[in-house]
């Protein structure tokens, strides 16, 4: 069976690693899988160290990058090499029309995960598989809406797009409820990164020389609440703070900021941390997968996806809002529990059924 997978694989650790995980899980079940390379021009542009200048914002960005040029360039190359080494891509599609005119040939079209259905983030019919023959089967795996509701102006489009799907799974229980409320049958499955266990992820990680205990801080935007919590954790534990840089415009606290981390280095830093403090959904998930102590300070606009998952596996005490909620027990390792194991087993069964039925 040939599967064409529409997902996000841009310069984002979670996006690339979830695509690798889902591709791996599909191949493990005996199918071929190819990532639809879309939008190819925008993807290529995202890996440029110096942006093409279209406005004052691009110029400002480039001026901020220049002092760290070699590190940022190394990070970009690590992303490029990792994607080439672990993902198989279709021909490049520059825009929606290119896919509509020459759709990929496959036995099954699949979309998911990583906020492919978030109406606030590049809401495209391509992520709803609006291309190709009507006879081709269409499914989703752990597609994320990323919000706790569908804005009114998008509800009918969701109905129209998803009416063509044969099977639908979403990543958040809140998304399942929202879709069911508008007449779309869906089930909840885990993020693809949890389909791969820590031992399998460790095969991607080269030996890591850990020089000292450290608190890893990983966030995509400035967040004073998170910074305060990290500094308090440092005070209590006496560990240094290491940041994974995500944006040259951000301000970083602590002792060290790593500017050249690619996906492998990202995994290394989480797997070897003594504590992870993150506002990232995938930062949280990899901490859980590796059994690393963590706390997460979820963004308010996407709070539901953190709350849904952590509550469902009974560790919502790891989700905090302020320094006053930081406790000693949060510095202890995460142990796998039956709730997580059951969710992963059901998710694997869903994917197996998708591929066997079609």
C-alpha atoms as a PDB file:
ATOM      1  CA  UNK A   1       0.000   0.000   0.000  1.00  0.00           C
ATOM      2  CA  UNK A   2       1.162   3.518  -0.830  1.00  0.00           C
ATOM      3  CA  UNK A   3       0.309   6.300   1.611  1.00  0.00           C
ATOM      4  CA  UNK A   4       0.603   9.997   0.776  1.00  0.00           C
ATOM      5  CA  UNK A   5       0.932  11.909   4.028  1.00  0.00           C
ATOM      6  CA  UNK A   6       0.127  15.612   4.281  1.00  0.00           C
ATOM      7  CA  UNK A   7       1.782  17.021   7.372  1.00  0.00           C
ATOM      8  CA  UNK A   8       4.069  19.805   8.524  1.00  0.00           C
ATOM      9  CA  UNK A   9       7.841  19.320   8.364  1.00  0.00           C
ATOM     10  CA  UNK A  10       9.187  22.863   8.593  1.00  0.00           C
ATOM     11  CA  UNK A  11      11.930  24.217  10.833  1.00  0.00           C
ATOM     12  CA  UNK A  12      10.299  23.173  14.060  1.00  0.00           C
ATOM     13  CA  UNK A  13      11.457  20.289  16.252  1.00  0.00           C
ATOM     14  CA  UNK A  14       7.980  18.975  16.980  1.00  0.00           C
ATOM     15  CA  UNK A  15       6.805  19.181  13.376  1.00  0.00           C
ATOM     16  CA  UNK A  16       9.780  17.273  11.968  1.00  0.00           C
ATOM     17  CA  UNK A  17       9.867  14.643  14.706  1.00  0.00           C
ATOM     18  CA  UNK A  18       6.135  13.902  14.581  1.00  0.00           C
ATOM     19  CA  UNK A  19       6.424  13.412  10.805  1.00  0.00           C
ATOM     20  CA  UNK A  20       9.343  11.012  11.309  1.00  0.00           C
ATOM     21  CA  UNK A  21       7.414   9.114  13.988  1.00  0.00           C
ATOM     22  CA  UNK A  22       4.239   8.740  11.921  1.00  0.00           C
ATOM     23  CA  UNK A  23       6.219   7.683   8.839  1.00  0.00           C
ATOM     24  CA  UNK A  24       8.090   5.121  10.938  1.00  0.00           C
ATOM     25  CA  UNK A  25       4.864   3.728  12.426  1.00  0.00           C
ATOM     26  CA  UNK A  26       3.253   3.415   8.975  1.00  0.00           C
ATOM     27  CA  UNK A  27       6.288   1.593   7.562  1.00  0.00           C
ATOM     28  CA  UNK A  28       6.340  -0.741  10.581  1.00  0.00           C
ATOM     29  CA  UNK A  29       2.852  -1.840   9.530  1.00  0.00           C
ATOM     30  CA  UNK A  30       4.089  -2.745   6.062  1.00  0.00           C
ATOM     31  CA  UNK A  31       3.006   0.264   3.993  1.00  0.00           C
ATOM     32  CA  UNK A  32       5.024   2.719   1.932  1.00  0.00           C
ATOM     33  CA  UNK A  33       4.742   6.355   2.924  1.00  0.00           C
ATOM     34  CA  UNK A  34       5.694   9.574   1.196  1.00  0.00           C
ATOM     35  CA  UNK A  35       5.390  13.105   2.583  1.00  0.00           C
ATOM     36  CA  UNK A  36       3.641  15.544   0.260  1.00  0.00           C
ATOM     37  CA  UNK A  37       6.223  18.311  -0.143  1.00  0.00           C
ATOM     38  CA  UNK A  38       4.040  21.383   0.300  1.00  0.00           C
ATOM     39  CA  UNK A  39       4.395  24.325   0.214  1.00  0.00           C
ATOM     40  CA  UNK A  40       7.889  23.724  -1.173  1.00  0.00           C
ATOM     41  CA  UNK A  41       8.944  27.350  -1.728  1.00  0.00           C
ATOM     42  CA  UNK A  42       7.932  28.428   1.751  1.00  0.00           C
ATOM     43  CA  UNK A  43       9.682  25.404   3.255  1.00  0.00           C
ATOM     44  CA  UNK A  44      12.876  26.154   1.359  1.00  0.00           C
ATOM     45  CA  UNK A  45      12.725  29.784   2.467  1.00  0.00           C
ATOM     46  CA  UNK A  46      12.382  28.761   6.120  1.00  0.00           C
ATOM     47  CA  UNK A  47      15.789  27.081   5.998  1.00  0.00           C
ATOM     48  CA  UNK A  48      17.598  30.175   4.724  1.00  0.00           C
ATOM     49  CA  UNK A  49      19.910  31.602   7.359  1.00  0.00           C
ATOM     50  CA  UNK A  50      19.582  35.102   5.909  1.00  0.00           C
ATOM     51  CA  UNK A  51      16.062  35.954   4.777  1.00  0.00           C
ATOM     52  CA  UNK A  52      15.211  37.599   1.508  1.00  0.00           C
ATOM     53  CA  UNK A  53      14.324  41.159   2.403  1.00  0.00           C
ATOM     54  CA  UNK A  54      10.714  42.011   1.603  1.00  0.00           C
ATOM     55  CA  UNK A  55      10.105  44.525   4.380  1.00  0.00           C
ATOM     56  CA  UNK A  56      11.666  46.138   7.443  1.00  0.00           C
ATOM     57  CA  UNK A  57      10.899  43.049   9.574  1.00  0.00           C
ATOM     58  CA  UNK A  58      13.080  40.851   7.356  1.00  0.00           C
ATOM     59  CA  UNK A  59      15.895  43.391   7.529  1.00  0.00           C
ATOM     60  CA  UNK A  60      15.627  43.546  11.312  1.00  0.00           C
ATOM     61  CA  UNK A  61      15.705  39.747  11.509  1.00  0.00           C
ATOM     62  CA  UNK A  62      18.819  39.494   9.330  1.00  0.00           C
ATOM     63  CA  UNK A  63      20.656  42.079  11.414  1.00  0.00           C
ATOM     64  CA  UNK A  64      19.902  40.054  14.541  1.00  0.00           C
ATOM     65  CA  UNK A  65      21.098  36.814  12.900  1.00  0.00           C
ATOM     66  CA  UNK A  66      24.456  38.115  11.668  1.00  0.00           C
ATOM     67  CA  UNK A  67      26.352  37.868  14.995  1.00  0.00           C
ATOM     68  CA  UNK A  68      25.237  34.216  15.284  1.00  0.00           C
ATOM     69  CA  UNK A  69      25.378  33.410  11.580  1.00  0.00           C
ATOM     70  CA  UNK A  70      27.568  30.286  11.753  1.00  0.00           C
ATOM     71  CA  UNK A  71      25.560  28.724  14.583  1.00  0.00           C
ATOM     72  CA  UNK A  72      22.216  29.390  12.922  1.00  0.00           C
ATOM     73  CA  UNK A  73      23.570  28.088   9.619  1.00  0.00           C
ATOM     74  CA  UNK A  74      24.705  24.893  11.368  1.00  0.00           C
ATOM     75  CA  UNK A  75      21.260  24.477  12.906  1.00  0.00           C
ATOM     76  CA  UNK A  76      19.594  24.875   9.502  1.00  0.00           C
ATOM     77  CA  UNK A  77      21.897  22.293   7.950  1.00  0.00           C
ATOM     78  CA  UNK A  78      21.184  19.852  10.745  1.00  0.00           C
ATOM     79  CA  UNK A  79      17.458  20.191  10.071  1.00  0.00           C
ATOM     80  CA  UNK A  80      17.958  19.725   6.328  1.00  0.00           C
ATOM     81  CA  UNK A  81      20.146  16.638   6.759  1.00  0.00           C
ATOM     82  CA  UNK A  82      17.794  15.085   9.330  1.00  0.00           C
ATOM     83  CA  UNK A  83      14.779  15.535   7.060  1.00  0.00           C
ATOM     84  CA  UNK A  84      16.628  14.020   4.113  1.00  0.00           C
ATOM     85  CA  UNK A  85      17.834  11.099   6.195  1.00  0.00           C
ATOM     86  CA  UNK A  86      14.520  10.154   7.790  1.00  0.00           C
ATOM     87  CA  UNK A  87      11.704  11.310   5.503  1.00  0.00           C
ATOM     88  CA  UNK A  88      10.777  10.385   1.952  1.00  0.00           C
ATOM     89  CA  UNK A  89       9.258  13.280   0.036  1.00  0.00           C
ATOM     90  CA  UNK A  90       7.079  13.585  -3.052  1.00  0.00           C
ATOM     91  CA  UNK A  91       7.877  15.949  -5.876  1.00  0.00           C
ATOM     92  CA  UNK A  92       7.830  19.560  -4.651  1.00  0.00           C
ATOM     93  CA  UNK A  93       4.489  21.373  -4.835  1.00  0.00           C
ATOM     94  CA  UNK A  94       4.830  25.141  -4.778  1.00  0.00           C
ATOM     95  CA  UNK A  95       1.182  25.939  -4.030  1.00  0.00           C
ATOM     96  CA  UNK A  96      -2.348  24.547  -3.802  1.00  0.00           C
ATOM     97  CA  UNK A  97      -2.955  24.674  -7.554  1.00  0.00           C
ATOM     98  CA  UNK A  98       0.100  22.522  -8.225  1.00  0.00           C
ATOM     99  CA  UNK A  99      -1.331  19.721  -6.058  1.00  0.00           C
ATOM    100  CA  UNK A 100      -4.823  20.102  -7.498  1.00  0.00           C
ATOM    101  CA  UNK A 101      -3.471  19.815 -11.057  1.00  0.00           C
ATOM    102  CA  UNK A 102      -1.030  16.953 -10.398  1.00  0.00           C
ATOM    103  CA  UNK A 103      -2.080  15.154  -7.215  1.00  0.00           C
ATOM    104  CA  UNK A 104       0.158  12.456  -5.763  1.00  0.00           C
ATOM    105  CA  UNK A 105      -0.755   8.907  -6.688  1.00  0.00           C
ATOM    106  CA  UNK A 106      -1.493   6.747  -3.678  1.00  0.00           C
ATOM    107  CA  UNK A 107      -3.845   4.111  -2.306  1.00  0.00           C
ATOM    108  CA  UNK A 108      -4.534   6.230   0.754  1.00  0.00           C
ATOM    109  CA  UNK A 109      -4.324   9.927   1.573  1.00  0.00           C
ATOM    110  CA  UNK A 110      -3.592  10.738   5.218  1.00  0.00           C
ATOM    111  CA  UNK A 111      -3.271  14.006   7.096  1.00  0.00           C
ATOM    112  CA  UNK A 112      -2.018  14.783  10.622  1.00  0.00           C
ATOM    113  CA  UNK A 113      -0.705  15.850  13.109  1.00  0.00           C
ATOM    114  CA  UNK A 114       0.704  19.122  14.518  1.00  0.00           C
ATOM    115  CA  UNK A 115      -2.143  21.662  14.183  1.00  0.00           C
ATOM    116  CA  UNK A 116      -2.880  20.917  10.537  1.00  0.00           C
ATOM    117  CA  UNK A 117      -6.505  21.963  11.158  1.00  0.00           C
ATOM    118  CA  UNK A 118      -5.859  25.055  13.257  1.00  0.00           C
ATOM    119  CA  UNK A 119      -7.790  27.823  11.449  1.00  0.00           C
ATOM    120  CA  UNK A 120      -5.334  30.405  12.781  1.00  0.00           C
ATOM    121  CA  UNK A 121      -2.284  28.710  11.201  1.00  0.00           C
ATOM    122  CA  UNK A 122      -2.222  28.507   7.388  1.00  0.00           C
ATOM    123  CA  UNK A 123      -5.736  27.079   7.049  1.00  0.00           C
ATOM    124  CA  UNK A 124      -5.437  25.243   3.739  1.00  0.00           C
ATOM    125  CA  UNK A 125      -7.785  22.769   1.998  1.00  0.00           C
ATOM    126  CA  UNK A 126      -4.679  20.724   1.200  1.00  0.00           C
ATOM    127  CA  UNK A 127      -4.450  19.709   4.880  1.00  0.00           C
ATOM    128  CA  UNK A 128      -8.053  18.470   4.495  1.00  0.00           C
ATOM    129  CA  UNK A 129      -7.001  16.354   1.483  1.00  0.00           C
ATOM    130  CA  UNK A 130      -9.046  18.378  -0.993  1.00  0.00           C
ATOM    131  CA  UNK A 131      -7.240  16.959  -4.031  1.00  0.00           C
ATOM    132  CA  UNK A 132      -6.999  13.772  -6.058  1.00  0.00           C
ATOM    133  CA  UNK A 133      -9.611  11.229  -7.129  1.00  0.00           C
ATOM    134  CA  UNK A 134     -12.795  11.019  -5.109  1.00  0.00           C
ATOM    135  CA  UNK A 135     -12.334   7.238  -5.017  1.00  0.00           C
ATOM    136  CA  UNK A 136      -9.057   7.526  -3.086  1.00  0.00           C
ATOM    137  CA  UNK A 137      -9.546   6.807   0.608  1.00  0.00           C
ATOM    138  CA  UNK A 138      -8.955   9.695   3.021  1.00  0.00           C
ATOM    139  CA  UNK A 139      -8.119   9.461   6.717  1.00  0.00           C
ATOM    140  CA  UNK A 140      -6.547  11.532   9.447  1.00  0.00           C
ATOM    141  CA  UNK A 141      -4.208  10.460  12.189  1.00  0.00           C
ATOM    142  CA  UNK A 142      -4.151  12.649  15.304  1.00  0.00           C
ATOM    143  CA  UNK A 143      -4.974  15.807  13.371  1.00  0.00           C
ATOM    144  CA  UNK A 144      -4.810  18.792  15.698  1.00  0.00           C
ATOM    145  CA  UNK A 145      -7.158  21.759  15.691  1.00  0.00           C
ATOM    146  CA  UNK A 146      -5.128  23.330  18.498  1.00  0.00           C
ATOM    147  CA  UNK A 147      -8.146  25.255  19.838  1.00  0.00           C
ATOM    148  CA  UNK A 148     -11.007  24.316  22.147  1.00  0.00           C
ATOM    149  CA  UNK A 149     -13.570  25.439  19.571  1.00  0.00           C
ATOM    150  CA  UNK A 150     -13.978  26.019  15.848  1.00  0.00           C
ATOM    151  CA  UNK A 151     -14.600  29.680  15.021  1.00  0.00           C
ATOM    152  CA  UNK A 152     -18.118  30.138  13.656  1.00  0.00           C
ATOM    153  CA  UNK A 153     -16.949  31.224  10.208  1.00  0.00           C
ATOM    154  CA  UNK A 154     -15.072  27.922   9.712  1.00  0.00           C
ATOM    155  CA  UNK A 155     -17.677  25.409  10.913  1.00  0.00           C
ATOM    156  CA  UNK A 156     -19.321  24.795   7.536  1.00  0.00           C
ATOM    157  CA  UNK A 157     -15.939  24.428   5.852  1.00  0.00           C
ATOM    158  CA  UNK A 158     -14.988  21.776   8.417  1.00  0.00           C
ATOM    159  CA  UNK A 159     -18.237  19.929   7.675  1.00  0.00           C
ATOM    160  CA  UNK A 160     -17.706  20.108   3.922  1.00  0.00           C
ATOM    161  CA  UNK A 161     -14.045  19.120   4.009  1.00  0.00           C
ATOM    162  CA  UNK A 162     -14.372  16.258   6.487  1.00  0.00           C
ATOM    163  CA  UNK A 163     -17.463  14.734   4.885  1.00  0.00           C
ATOM    164  CA  UNK A 164     -15.103  13.062   2.370  1.00  0.00           C
ATOM    165  CA  UNK A 165     -13.066  11.293   5.053  1.00  0.00           C
ATOM    166  CA  UNK A 166     -13.434   7.572   5.708  1.00  0.00           C
ATOM    167  CA  UNK A 167     -11.909   7.652   9.204  1.00  0.00           C
ATOM    168  CA  UNK A 168     -10.967  10.587  11.420  1.00  0.00           C
ATOM    169  CA  UNK A 169      -8.775  10.759  14.483  1.00  0.00           C
ATOM    170  CA  UNK A 170      -7.737  13.928  16.277  1.00  0.00           C
ATOM    171  CA  UNK A 171      -5.090  14.666  18.883  1.00  0.00           C
ATOM    172  CA  UNK A 172      -7.172  16.386  21.566  1.00  0.00           C
ATOM    173  CA  UNK A 173     -10.302  15.116  23.298  1.00  0.00           C
ATOM    174  CA  UNK A 174     -11.680  18.646  23.053  1.00  0.00           C
ATOM    175  CA  UNK A 175     -11.307  18.422  19.251  1.00  0.00           C
ATOM    176  CA  UNK A 176     -13.195  15.116  19.214  1.00  0.00           C
ATOM    177  CA  UNK A 177     -16.060  16.716  21.152  1.00  0.00           C
ATOM    178  CA  UNK A 178     -16.094  19.772  18.902  1.00  0.00           C
ATOM    179  CA  UNK A 179     -16.233  17.684  15.712  1.00  0.00           C
ATOM    180  CA  UNK A 180     -18.890  15.368  17.138  1.00  0.00           C
ATOM    181  CA  UNK A 181     -20.973  18.445  18.028  1.00  0.00           C
ATOM    182  CA  UNK A 182     -21.076  19.509  14.357  1.00  0.00           C
ATOM    183  CA  UNK A 183     -21.937  16.032  13.117  1.00  0.00           C
ATOM    184  CA  UNK A 184     -18.432  14.718  12.340  1.00  0.00           C
ATOM    185  CA  UNK A 185     -17.549  11.361  13.905  1.00  0.00           C
ATOM    186  CA  UNK A 186     -14.005  11.327  15.283  1.00  0.00           C
ATOM    187  CA  UNK A 187     -11.850   9.517  17.807  1.00  0.00           C
ATOM    188  CA  UNK A 188      -8.816  10.643  19.794  1.00  0.00           C
ATOM    189  CA  UNK A 189      -5.329   9.245  19.254  1.00  0.00           C
ATOM    190  CA  UNK A 190      -1.961  10.218  20.704  1.00  0.00           C
ATOM    191  CA  UNK A 191       0.565  12.437  18.998  1.00  0.00           C
ATOM    192  CA  UNK A 192       2.721  10.361  16.607  1.00  0.00           C
ATOM    193  CA  UNK A 193       5.867  10.949  18.681  1.00  0.00           C
ATOM    194  CA  UNK A 194       4.397   8.672  21.368  1.00  0.00           C
ATOM    195  CA  UNK A 195       3.988   5.801  18.911  1.00  0.00           C
ATOM    196  CA  UNK A 196       7.784   5.455  19.093  1.00  0.00           C
ATOM    197  CA  UNK A 197       9.204   4.458  22.476  1.00  0.00           C
ATOM    198  CA  UNK A 198      12.236   6.000  24.166  1.00  0.00           C
ATOM    199  CA  UNK A 199      14.486   3.115  23.148  1.00  0.00           C
ATOM    200  CA  UNK A 200      13.692   3.693  19.472  1.00  0.00           C
ATOM    201  CA  UNK A 201      14.218   7.444  19.780  1.00  0.00           C
ATOM    202  CA  UNK A 202      17.537   6.793  21.512  1.00  0.00           C
ATOM    203  CA  UNK A 203      18.786   5.056  18.375  1.00  0.00           C
ATOM    204  CA  UNK A 204      18.755   8.470  16.715  1.00  0.00           C
ATOM    205  CA  UNK A 205      20.858  10.029  19.462  1.00  0.00           C
ATOM    206  CA  UNK A 206      24.644   9.985  19.326  1.00  0.00           C
ATOM    207  CA  UNK A 207      26.495   9.730  22.680  1.00  0.00           C
ATOM    208  CA  UNK A 208      26.049  12.956  24.629  1.00  0.00           C
ATOM    209  CA  UNK A 209      28.767  14.318  26.904  1.00  0.00           C
ATOM    210  CA  UNK A 210      26.956  15.700  29.918  1.00  0.00           C
ATOM    211  CA  UNK A 211      29.306  18.031  31.763  1.00  0.00           C
ATOM    212  CA  UNK A 212      26.996  18.966  34.639  1.00  0.00           C
ATOM    213  CA  UNK A 213      23.363  18.655  35.810  1.00  0.00           C
ATOM    214  CA  UNK A 214      21.104  21.097  34.010  1.00  0.00           C
ATOM    215  CA  UNK A 215      17.605  22.475  33.707  1.00  0.00           C
ATOM    216  CA  UNK A 216      16.521  22.622  30.067  1.00  0.00           C
ATOM    217  CA  UNK A 217      14.306  25.544  29.085  1.00  0.00           C
ATOM    218  CA  UNK A 218      12.452  25.223  25.790  1.00  0.00           C
ATOM    219  CA  UNK A 219       9.840  27.768  24.747  1.00  0.00           C
ATOM    220  CA  UNK A 220       8.877  29.376  21.454  1.00  0.00           C
ATOM    221  CA  UNK A 221       8.267  32.891  22.744  1.00  0.00           C
ATOM    222  CA  UNK A 222       9.123  35.251  25.589  1.00  0.00           C
ATOM    223  CA  UNK A 223       7.274  34.196  28.722  1.00  0.00           C
ATOM    224  CA  UNK A 224       7.964  35.888  32.045  1.00  0.00           C
ATOM    225  CA  UNK A 225       5.996  33.280  33.994  1.00  0.00           C
ATOM    226  CA  UNK A 226       8.170  30.524  32.552  1.00  0.00           C
ATOM    227  CA  UNK A 227      11.375  32.500  33.185  1.00  0.00           C
ATOM    228  CA  UNK A 228      10.413  33.062  36.836  1.00  0.00           C
ATOM    229  CA  UNK A 229       9.700  29.355  37.312  1.00  0.00           C
ATOM    230  CA  UNK A 230      13.015  28.385  35.712  1.00  0.00           C
ATOM    231  CA  UNK A 231      14.974  30.771  37.938  1.00  0.00           C
ATOM    232  CA  UNK A 232      13.195  29.454  41.029  1.00  0.00           C
ATOM    233  CA  UNK A 233      13.961  25.848  39.998  1.00  0.00           C
ATOM    234  CA  UNK A 234      17.607  26.820  39.553  1.00  0.00           C
ATOM    235  CA  UNK A 235      17.650  28.322  43.040  1.00  0.00           C
ATOM    236  CA  UNK A 236      16.194  25.155  44.582  1.00  0.00           C
ATOM    237  CA  UNK A 237      18.229  22.599  42.624  1.00  0.00           C
ATOM    238  CA  UNK A 238      21.466  24.493  42.107  1.00  0.00           C
ATOM    239  CA  UNK A 239      21.619  23.390  38.456  1.00  0.00           C
ATOM    240  CA  UNK A 240      22.592  25.516  35.486  1.00  0.00           C
ATOM    241  CA  UNK A 241      19.947  26.579  32.956  1.00  0.00           C
ATOM    242  CA  UNK A 242      20.426  25.609  29.313  1.00  0.00           C
ATOM    243  CA  UNK A 243      18.152  27.143  26.667  1.00  0.00           C
ATOM    244  CA  UNK A 244      17.391  25.779  23.222  1.00  0.00           C
ATOM    245  CA  UNK A 245      17.240  28.889  21.049  1.00  0.00           C
ATOM    246  CA  UNK A 246      14.150  29.191  18.873  1.00  0.00           C
ATOM    247  CA  UNK A 247      14.190  32.814  17.693  1.00  0.00           C
ATOM    248  CA  UNK A 248      16.865  35.480  17.431  1.00  0.00           C
ATOM    249  CA  UNK A 249      14.352  38.069  18.662  1.00  0.00           C
ATOM    250  CA  UNK A 250      13.830  36.280  21.987  1.00  0.00           C
ATOM    251  CA  UNK A 251      15.563  37.049  25.261  1.00  0.00           C
ATOM    252  CA  UNK A 252      17.136  34.082  27.047  1.00  0.00           C
ATOM    253  CA  UNK A 253      17.802  33.675  30.753  1.00  0.00           C
ATOM    254  CA  UNK A 254      20.218  31.356  32.511  1.00  0.00           C
ATOM    255  CA  UNK A 255      23.706  30.096  31.837  1.00  0.00           C
ATOM    256  CA  UNK A 256      23.869  28.793  28.262  1.00  0.00           C
ATOM    257  CA  UNK A 257      21.884  29.184  25.059  1.00  0.00           C
ATOM    258  CA  UNK A 258      22.357  26.637  22.287  1.00  0.00           C
ATOM    259  CA  UNK A 259      21.815  28.170  18.869  1.00  0.00           C
ATOM    260  CA  UNK A 260      22.821  25.284  16.621  1.00  0.00           C
ATOM    261  CA  UNK A 261      20.608  22.421  17.851  1.00  0.00           C
ATOM    262  CA  UNK A 262      19.012  20.275  15.174  1.00  0.00           C
ATOM    263  CA  UNK A 263      16.424  17.521  15.840  1.00  0.00           C
ATOM    264  CA  UNK A 264      19.072  15.083  17.135  1.00  0.00           C
ATOM    265  CA  UNK A 265      20.516  17.640  19.548  1.00  0.00           C
ATOM    266  CA  UNK A 266      16.982  18.519  20.687  1.00  0.00           C
ATOM    267  CA  UNK A 267      16.373  14.874  21.608  1.00  0.00           C
ATOM    268  CA  UNK A 268      19.765  14.627  23.326  1.00  0.00           C
ATOM    269  CA  UNK A 269      19.149  17.690  25.461  1.00  0.00           C
ATOM    270  CA  UNK A 270      15.727  16.519  26.628  1.00  0.00           C
ATOM    271  CA  UNK A 271      16.773  12.913  27.253  1.00  0.00           C
ATOM    272  CA  UNK A 272      19.708  13.982  29.438  1.00  0.00           C
ATOM    273  CA  UNK A 273      18.086  16.870  31.325  1.00  0.00           C
ATOM    274  CA  UNK A 274      17.541  16.801  35.079  1.00  0.00           C
ATOM    275  CA  UNK A 275      14.445  18.956  34.638  1.00  0.00           C
ATOM    276  CA  UNK A 276      12.631  20.305  31.575  1.00  0.00           C
ATOM    277  CA  UNK A 277      10.661  23.548  31.764  1.00  0.00           C
ATOM    278  CA  UNK A 278       8.670  24.123  28.613  1.00  0.00           C
ATOM    279  CA  UNK A 279       5.677  25.799  27.014  1.00  0.00           C
ATOM    280  CA  UNK A 280       5.956  23.470  24.007  1.00  0.00           C
ATOM    281  CA  UNK A 281       3.558  20.575  23.478  1.00  0.00           C
ATOM    282  CA  UNK A 282       6.300  18.391  22.019  1.00  0.00           C
ATOM    283  CA  UNK A 283       8.757  19.504  24.682  1.00  0.00           C
ATOM    284  CA  UNK A 284       6.232  18.086  27.149  1.00  0.00           C
ATOM    285  CA  UNK A 285       5.631  14.869  25.190  1.00  0.00           C
ATOM    286  CA  UNK A 286       9.315  14.013  24.785  1.00  0.00           C
ATOM    287  CA  UNK A 287       9.903  14.647  28.478  1.00  0.00           C
ATOM    288  CA  UNK A 288       7.170  12.117  29.228  1.00  0.00           C
ATOM    289  CA  UNK A 289       8.501   9.636  26.667  1.00  0.00           C
ATOM    290  CA  UNK A 290      12.040   9.815  28.071  1.00  0.00           C
ATOM    291  CA  UNK A 291      10.794   9.777  31.681  1.00  0.00           C
ATOM    292  CA  UNK A 292      12.434  13.126  32.442  1.00  0.00           C
ATOM    293  CA  UNK A 293      11.122  15.405  35.228  1.00  0.00           C
ATOM    294  CA  UNK A 294       9.261  18.357  33.731  1.00  0.00           C
ATOM    295  CA  UNK A 295       6.797  21.160  34.253  1.00  0.00           C
ATOM    296  CA  UNK A 296       4.894  22.866  31.487  1.00  0.00           C
ATOM    297  CA  UNK A 297       3.460  26.363  31.335  1.00  0.00           C
ATOM    298  CA  UNK A 298       0.995  26.088  28.451  1.00  0.00           C
ATOM    299  CA  UNK A 299       0.116  29.052  26.246  1.00  0.00           C
ATOM    300  CA  UNK A 300      -3.323  30.316  27.204  1.00  0.00           C
ATOM    301  CA  UNK A 301      -4.614  30.210  23.617  1.00  0.00           C
ATOM    302  CA  UNK A 302      -3.797  26.472  23.272  1.00  0.00           C
ATOM    303  CA  UNK A 303      -4.314  25.501  26.902  1.00  0.00           C
ATOM    304  CA  UNK A 304      -6.847  22.788  26.051  1.00  0.00           C
ATOM    305  CA  UNK A 305      -4.433  20.515  24.207  1.00  0.00           C
ATOM    306  CA  UNK A 306      -2.078  20.420  27.205  1.00  0.00           C
ATOM    307  CA  UNK A 307      -4.878  20.034  29.729  1.00  0.00           C
ATOM    308  CA  UNK A 308      -6.692  17.322  27.751  1.00  0.00           C
ATOM    309  CA  UNK A 309      -3.623  15.136  27.494  1.00  0.00           C
ATOM    310  CA  UNK A 310      -2.133  15.560  30.964  1.00  0.00           C
ATOM    311  CA  UNK A 311      -5.510  15.084  32.646  1.00  0.00           C
ATOM    312  CA  UNK A 312      -6.174  11.931  30.624  1.00  0.00           C
ATOM    313  CA  UNK A 313      -2.942  10.316  31.877  1.00  0.00           C
ATOM    314  CA  UNK A 314      -3.336  11.625  35.424  1.00  0.00           C
ATOM    315  CA  UNK A 315      -0.269  13.872  35.627  1.00  0.00           C
ATOM    316  CA  UNK A 316      -1.881  17.283  35.303  1.00  0.00           C
ATOM    317  CA  UNK A 317       0.085  18.425  38.382  1.00  0.00           C
ATOM    318  CA  UNK A 318       2.957  18.989  35.939  1.00  0.00           C
ATOM    319  CA  UNK A 319       1.022  21.850  34.333  1.00  0.00           C
ATOM    320  CA  UNK A 320       1.527  25.034  36.329  1.00  0.00           C
ATOM    321  CA  UNK A 321       0.915  28.752  36.014  1.00  0.00           C
ATOM    322  CA  UNK A 322       3.276  30.357  38.527  1.00  0.00           C
ATOM    323  CA  UNK A 323       6.228  29.891  40.876  1.00  0.00           C
ATOM    324  CA  UNK A 324       3.866  29.222  43.790  1.00  0.00           C
ATOM    325  CA  UNK A 325       2.781  25.949  42.118  1.00  0.00           C
ATOM    326  CA  UNK A 326       6.331  24.576  41.797  1.00  0.00           C
ATOM    327  CA  UNK A 327       6.766  21.608  44.165  1.00  0.00           C
ATOM    328  CA  UNK A 328       9.524  19.160  45.051  1.00  0.00           C
ATOM    329  CA  UNK A 329       7.604  16.222  43.552  1.00  0.00           C
ATOM    330  CA  UNK A 330       7.821  17.856  40.126  1.00  0.00           C
ATOM    331  CA  UNK A 331      11.593  17.344  40.236  1.00  0.00           C
ATOM    332  CA  UNK A 332      11.051  13.554  40.228  1.00  0.00           C
ATOM    333  CA  UNK A 333      11.213  11.422  37.044  1.00  0.00           C
ATOM    334  CA  UNK A 334       8.052  10.566  35.136  1.00  0.00           C
ATOM    335  CA  UNK A 335       7.002   6.932  35.277  1.00  0.00           C
ATOM    336  CA  UNK A 336       4.951   5.307  32.522  1.00  0.00           C
ATOM    337  CA  UNK A 337       1.435   4.552  33.727  1.00  0.00           C
ATOM    338  CA  UNK A 338      -1.459   2.417  32.553  1.00  0.00           C
ATOM    339  CA  UNK A 339      -3.402   5.428  31.273  1.00  0.00           C
ATOM    340  CA  UNK A 340      -0.660   6.395  28.837  1.00  0.00           C
ATOM    341  CA  UNK A 341      -0.015   2.787  27.800  1.00  0.00           C
ATOM    342  CA  UNK A 342      -3.707   2.285  27.061  1.00  0.00           C
ATOM    343  CA  UNK A 343      -3.900   5.449  24.952  1.00  0.00           C
ATOM    344  CA  UNK A 344      -0.845   4.411  22.946  1.00  0.00           C
ATOM    345  CA  UNK A 345      -2.207   0.884  22.427  1.00  0.00           C
ATOM    346  CA  UNK A 346      -5.557   2.225  21.169  1.00  0.00           C
ATOM    347  CA  UNK A 347      -3.777   4.642  18.851  1.00  0.00           C
ATOM    348  CA  UNK A 348      -1.625   1.912  17.350  1.00  0.00           C
ATOM    349  CA  UNK A 349      -4.742  -0.200  16.848  1.00  0.00           C
ATOM    350  CA  UNK A 350      -6.472   2.689  15.049  1.00  0.00           C
ATOM    351  CA  UNK A 351      -3.514   3.113  12.686  1.00  0.00           C
ATOM    352  CA  UNK A 352      -3.336  -0.637  12.114  1.00  0.00           C
ATOM    353  CA  UNK A 353      -7.050  -0.746  11.274  1.00  0.00           C
ATOM    354  CA  UNK A 354      -6.692   2.180   8.866  1.00  0.00           C
ATOM    355  CA  UNK A 355      -3.989   0.427   6.900  1.00  0.00           C
ATOM    356  CA  UNK A 356      -5.574  -3.043   7.022  1.00  0.00           C
ATOM    357  CA  UNK A 357      -9.039  -1.905   5.973  1.00  0.00           C
ATOM    358  CA  UNK A 358      -7.729  -0.017   2.981  1.00  0.00           C
END
